[in-house]
Amino acid sequence: MAEHELLVVVTTPEGKVYNHRSYSVSADAVDGGITILPHHAPIMLPLKKSGALRVKRFLEDSPTDYIAIGGGVMEVRDNVVTIIANVAERARDIDVTRAEQAKDKAEKKYLVTNLVRRVMLNVRKIALKQGNQPYWCF
């Protein structure tokens, strides 16, 4: 590896998602955005639950690579940037139809869960007004 470049490695529980030489990498950390350049001081930091990596490849004519990240940590040491993420997918590999279906499914699950919580809360309020303690209330 040349002296003025980084090695960027992104790994998930399913395996390695990305492994390339680069000039810089930018990420959405919990405390704000960060850009890592060659010879950065060693650092370890948590990444946002939902964010993106922007990797500027080493060659000038190379495009910037984008990687969607779902939580994790970033470690920088000796010009190696290691990201261990819960979920990661390169932008070019994202299936938009599948992503929209997953989003719709998650939204429906969220709506149903909230509806059940509101119903249970109202049942508890009614029972307490009537002087009864539902057996399932703690």
Protein backbone atom coordinates (compact mmCIF):
# COMPACT_ATOMS: atom_id res chain seq x y z
CA MET A 1 0.00 0.00 0.00
CA ALA A 2 1.35 3.43 -0.95
CA GLU A 3 2.21 5.96 1.73
CA HIS A 4 -0.58 8.42 0.83
CA GLU A 5 -3.57 6.13 0.64
CA LEU A 6 -6.02 4.38 2.93
CA LEU A 7 -7.34 0.87 2.90
CA VAL A 8 -11.08 0.93 3.58
CA VAL A 9 -12.68 -2.31 4.76
CA VAL A 10 -16.40 -2.65 5.56
CA THR A 11 -17.53 -5.84 7.27
CA THR A 12 -20.94 -7.06 8.49
CA PRO A 13 -21.97 -10.25 10.25
CA GLU A 14 -22.62 -11.71 6.77
CA GLY A 15 -19.09 -10.96 5.56
CA LYS A 16 -16.94 -8.37 3.80
CA VAL A 17 -18.93 -5.78 1.84
CA TYR A 18 -16.14 -3.46 0.69
CA ASN A 19 -12.33 -3.60 0.48
CA HIS A 20 -10.56 -0.91 -1.60
CA ARG A 21 -7.73 1.59 -1.53
CA SER A 22 -8.87 5.17 -1.24
CA TYR A 23 -7.82 8.77 -0.79
CA SER A 24 -10.48 9.60 1.81
CA VAL A 25 -13.52 8.22 3.58
CA SER A 26 -16.36 10.24 5.12
CA ALA A 27 -18.91 8.85 7.56
CA ASP A 28 -21.87 9.88 9.69
CA ALA A 29 -20.68 9.37 13.26
CA VAL A 30 -22.93 9.69 16.29
CA ASP A 31 -21.31 13.04 17.18
CA GLY A 32 -21.37 14.38 13.60
CA GLY A 33 -19.68 13.89 10.26
CA ILE A 34 -16.02 12.90 9.97
CA THR A 35 -13.60 12.64 7.07
CA ILE A 36 -10.52 10.47 7.33
CA LEU A 37 -7.42 11.18 5.24
CA PRO A 38 -4.10 9.29 5.14
CA HIS A 39 -2.00 9.50 8.33
CA HIS A 40 -5.04 10.26 10.51
CA ALA A 41 -4.44 9.70 14.22
CA PRO A 42 -5.78 6.40 15.57
CA ILE A 43 -9.44 6.72 16.52
CA MET A 44 -12.47 4.53 17.21
CA LEU A 45 -15.98 5.93 17.07
CA PRO A 46 -19.61 4.79 16.85
CA LEU A 47 -21.54 5.37 13.64
CA LYS A 48 -25.14 6.53 13.34
CA LYS A 49 -27.86 3.89 13.20
CA SER A 50 -28.60 4.99 9.65
CA GLY A 51 -26.01 6.74 7.53
CA ALA A 52 -23.69 6.55 4.57
CA LEU A 53 -20.01 6.15 3.85
CA ARG A 54 -18.49 8.17 1.04
CA VAL A 55 -15.23 6.69 -0.20
CA LYS A 56 -13.10 8.64 -2.66
CA ARG A 57 -11.15 5.99 -4.52
CA PHE A 58 -7.39 6.38 -4.86
CA LEU A 59 -7.23 7.09 -8.59
CA GLU A 60 -8.23 10.61 -9.64
CA ASP A 61 -10.66 9.44 -12.35
CA SER A 62 -12.37 7.02 -9.97
CA PRO A 63 -15.86 7.94 -8.80
CA THR A 64 -16.87 8.21 -5.19
CA ASP A 65 -18.29 4.98 -3.79
CA TYR A 66 -21.36 5.22 -1.55
CA ILE A 67 -22.20 2.57 1.04
CA ALA A 68 -25.38 2.59 3.13
CA ILE A 69 -24.56 1.75 6.76
CA GLY A 70 -26.86 0.65 9.55
CA GLY A 71 -25.00 1.28 12.80
CA GLY A 72 -21.59 0.02 13.82
CA VAL A 73 -18.14 1.33 14.64
CA MET A 74 -15.21 2.78 12.73
CA GLU A 75 -11.60 2.19 13.65
CA VAL A 76 -8.69 4.05 12.06
CA ARG A 77 -5.16 2.81 12.56
CA ASP A 78 -2.03 2.80 10.37
CA ASN A 79 -3.90 4.06 7.26
CA VAL A 80 -6.47 1.26 7.56
CA VAL A 81 -10.10 2.28 8.09
CA THR A 82 -12.15 -0.64 9.35
CA ILE A 83 -15.92 -0.32 9.62
CA ILE A 84 -17.79 -3.08 11.41
CA ALA A 85 -21.45 -2.47 10.68
CA ASN A 86 -24.69 -4.19 11.62
CA VAL A 87 -25.86 -3.74 8.02
CA ALA A 88 -24.04 -2.37 4.97
CA GLU A 89 -24.82 -2.33 1.28
CA ARG A 90 -23.08 -0.61 -1.61
CA ALA A 91 -25.31 1.89 -3.40
CA ARG A 92 -24.85 0.09 -6.71
CA ASP A 93 -26.13 -3.16 -5.14
CA ILE A 94 -29.32 -1.76 -3.60
CA ASP A 95 -32.47 -3.19 -5.14
CA VAL A 96 -34.88 -0.24 -4.96
CA THR A 97 -38.01 -2.40 -5.27
CA ARG A 98 -36.86 -4.70 -2.45
CA ALA A 99 -35.91 -1.69 -0.31
CA GLU A 100 -39.35 -0.07 -0.82
CA GLN A 101 -41.09 -3.34 0.08
CA ALA A 102 -38.99 -3.66 3.25
CA LYS A 103 -39.81 -0.04 4.14
CA ASP A 104 -43.54 -0.62 3.64
CA LYS A 105 -43.42 -3.78 5.75
CA ALA A 106 -41.55 -1.98 8.55
CA GLU A 107 -44.02 0.93 8.50
CA LYS A 108 -47.00 -1.45 8.74
CA LYS A 109 -45.39 -3.32 11.62
CA TYR A 110 -44.71 -0.01 13.39
CA LEU A 111 -48.33 1.14 12.91
CA VAL A 112 -49.76 -2.16 14.21
CA THR A 113 -47.40 -2.17 17.21
CA ASN A 114 -48.37 1.40 18.13
CA LEU A 115 -52.07 0.62 17.69
CA VAL A 116 -51.80 -2.40 20.02
CA ARG A 117 -49.94 -0.30 22.61
CA ARG A 118 -52.62 2.41 22.52
CA VAL A 119 -55.42 -0.14 22.86
CA MET A 120 -53.67 -1.82 25.81
CA LEU A 121 -53.12 1.54 27.49
CA ASN A 122 -56.80 2.47 27.06
CA VAL A 123 -57.93 -0.91 28.42
CA ARG A 124 -55.71 -0.39 31.46
CA LYS A 125 -57.05 3.14 32.01
CA ILE A 126 -60.65 1.92 31.84
CA ALA A 127 -59.93 -0.99 34.20
CA LEU A 128 -58.25 1.32 36.70
CA LYS A 129 -61.18 3.78 36.58
CA GLN A 130 -63.48 0.88 37.40
CA GLY A 131 -61.27 -0.07 40.32
CA ASN A 132 -59.89 -3.21 38.68
CA GLN A 133 -56.22 -4.01 38.11
CA PRO A 134 -55.82 -6.01 34.88
CA TYR A 135 -53.80 -9.17 35.53
CA TRP A 136 -51.33 -8.28 32.77
CA CYS A 137 -50.41 -4.84 34.20
CA PHE A 138 -47.28 -4.50 36.26
